[in-house]
């Protein structure tokens, strides 16, 4: 089998997984991602939500 086909397939799979995880940041897994925000960051709920949302946007961008 051609190595380029395998590499491209795995790149596409990684992009899909990252996009789904990024969407999870913005919707159905927000609470789980909020629990993973490091405690050394400011504990203001609005800031913590901003961290989760912005990292989700970055993850979707990288996935696409």
C-alpha atoms as a PDB file:
ATOM      1  CA  UNK A   1       0.000   0.000   0.000  1.00  0.00           C
ATOM      2  CA  UNK A   2       1.169   3.508  -0.756  1.00  0.00           C
ATOM      3  CA  UNK A   3       2.621   5.339   2.239  1.00  0.00           C
ATOM      4  CA  UNK A   4       1.185   8.659   1.073  1.00  0.00           C
ATOM      5  CA  UNK A   5      -2.324   7.198   1.214  1.00  0.00           C
ATOM      6  CA  UNK A   6      -1.773   6.079   4.817  1.00  0.00           C
ATOM      7  CA  UNK A   7      -0.294   9.447   5.841  1.00  0.00           C
ATOM      8  CA  UNK A   8      -3.119  11.387   4.205  1.00  0.00           C
ATOM      9  CA  UNK A   9      -5.752   9.127   5.760  1.00  0.00           C
ATOM     10  CA  UNK A  10      -4.250   9.594   9.223  1.00  0.00           C
ATOM     11  CA  UNK A  11      -4.009  13.371   8.717  1.00  0.00           C
ATOM     12  CA  UNK A  12      -7.679  13.484   7.769  1.00  0.00           C
ATOM     13  CA  UNK A  13      -8.586  11.324  10.781  1.00  0.00           C
ATOM     14  CA  UNK A  14      -6.598  13.602  13.101  1.00  0.00           C
ATOM     15  CA  UNK A  15      -8.322  16.661  11.614  1.00  0.00           C
ATOM     16  CA  UNK A  16     -11.754  15.122  12.138  1.00  0.00           C
ATOM     17  CA  UNK A  17     -10.943  14.181  15.744  1.00  0.00           C
ATOM     18  CA  UNK A  18      -9.578  17.663  16.506  1.00  0.00           C
ATOM     19  CA  UNK A  19     -12.622  19.311  14.926  1.00  0.00           C
ATOM     20  CA  UNK A  20     -15.019  17.160  16.954  1.00  0.00           C
ATOM     21  CA  UNK A  21     -13.074  17.904  20.149  1.00  0.00           C
ATOM     22  CA  UNK A  22     -13.121  21.623  19.339  1.00  0.00           C
ATOM     23  CA  UNK A  23     -16.874  21.520  18.821  1.00  0.00           C
ATOM     24  CA  UNK A  24     -17.094  19.752  22.180  1.00  0.00           C
ATOM     25  CA  UNK A  25     -15.286  22.724  23.751  1.00  0.00           C
ATOM     26  CA  UNK A  26     -18.049  24.978  22.488  1.00  0.00           C
ATOM     27  CA  UNK A  27     -21.069  22.752  23.181  1.00  0.00           C
ATOM     28  CA  UNK A  28     -21.676  19.366  24.772  1.00  0.00           C
ATOM     29  CA  UNK A  29     -18.382  18.866  26.682  1.00  0.00           C
ATOM     30  CA  UNK A  30     -17.850  22.360  28.035  1.00  0.00           C
ATOM     31  CA  UNK A  31     -18.145  21.312  31.699  1.00  0.00           C
ATOM     32  CA  UNK A  32     -15.542  18.566  31.243  1.00  0.00           C
ATOM     33  CA  UNK A  33     -13.107  20.995  29.629  1.00  0.00           C
ATOM     34  CA  UNK A  34     -13.772  23.619  32.319  1.00  0.00           C
ATOM     35  CA  UNK A  35     -12.689  21.037  34.905  1.00  0.00           C
ATOM     36  CA  UNK A  36      -9.342  20.723  33.100  1.00  0.00           C
ATOM     37  CA  UNK A  37      -8.434  24.432  33.228  1.00  0.00           C
ATOM     38  CA  UNK A  38      -5.301  24.731  35.399  1.00  0.00           C
ATOM     39  CA  UNK A  39      -5.963  26.069  38.892  1.00  0.00           C
ATOM     40  CA  UNK A  40      -3.033  28.499  38.686  1.00  0.00           C
ATOM     41  CA  UNK A  41      -5.032  30.583  36.190  1.00  0.00           C
ATOM     42  CA  UNK A  42      -7.434  33.204  37.552  1.00  0.00           C
ATOM     43  CA  UNK A  43     -10.553  31.442  38.836  1.00  0.00           C
ATOM     44  CA  UNK A  44     -13.006  33.999  37.500  1.00  0.00           C
ATOM     45  CA  UNK A  45     -15.728  31.897  35.800  1.00  0.00           C
ATOM     46  CA  UNK A  46     -15.893  34.229  32.797  1.00  0.00           C
ATOM     47  CA  UNK A  47     -12.138  33.932  32.252  1.00  0.00           C
ATOM     48  CA  UNK A  48     -12.216  30.153  32.601  1.00  0.00           C
ATOM     49  CA  UNK A  49     -15.050  29.980  30.068  1.00  0.00           C
ATOM     50  CA  UNK A  50     -13.042  32.228  27.736  1.00  0.00           C
ATOM     51  CA  UNK A  51     -10.076  29.826  27.984  1.00  0.00           C
ATOM     52  CA  UNK A  52     -12.264  26.844  27.065  1.00  0.00           C
ATOM     53  CA  UNK A  53     -14.002  28.654  24.196  1.00  0.00           C
ATOM     54  CA  UNK A  54     -10.822  30.095  22.716  1.00  0.00           C
ATOM     55  CA  UNK A  55      -8.988  26.765  22.905  1.00  0.00           C
ATOM     56  CA  UNK A  56     -11.970  25.163  21.165  1.00  0.00           C
ATOM     57  CA  UNK A  57     -11.782  27.701  18.356  1.00  0.00           C
ATOM     58  CA  UNK A  58      -8.053  27.072  17.980  1.00  0.00           C
ATOM     59  CA  UNK A  59      -8.615  23.314  17.937  1.00  0.00           C
ATOM     60  CA  UNK A  60     -11.315  23.583  15.262  1.00  0.00           C
ATOM     61  CA  UNK A  61      -9.030  25.809  13.185  1.00  0.00           C
ATOM     62  CA  UNK A  62      -6.162  23.334  13.421  1.00  0.00           C
ATOM     63  CA  UNK A  63      -8.488  20.433  12.664  1.00  0.00           C
ATOM     64  CA  UNK A  64      -9.782  22.064   9.522  1.00  0.00           C
END
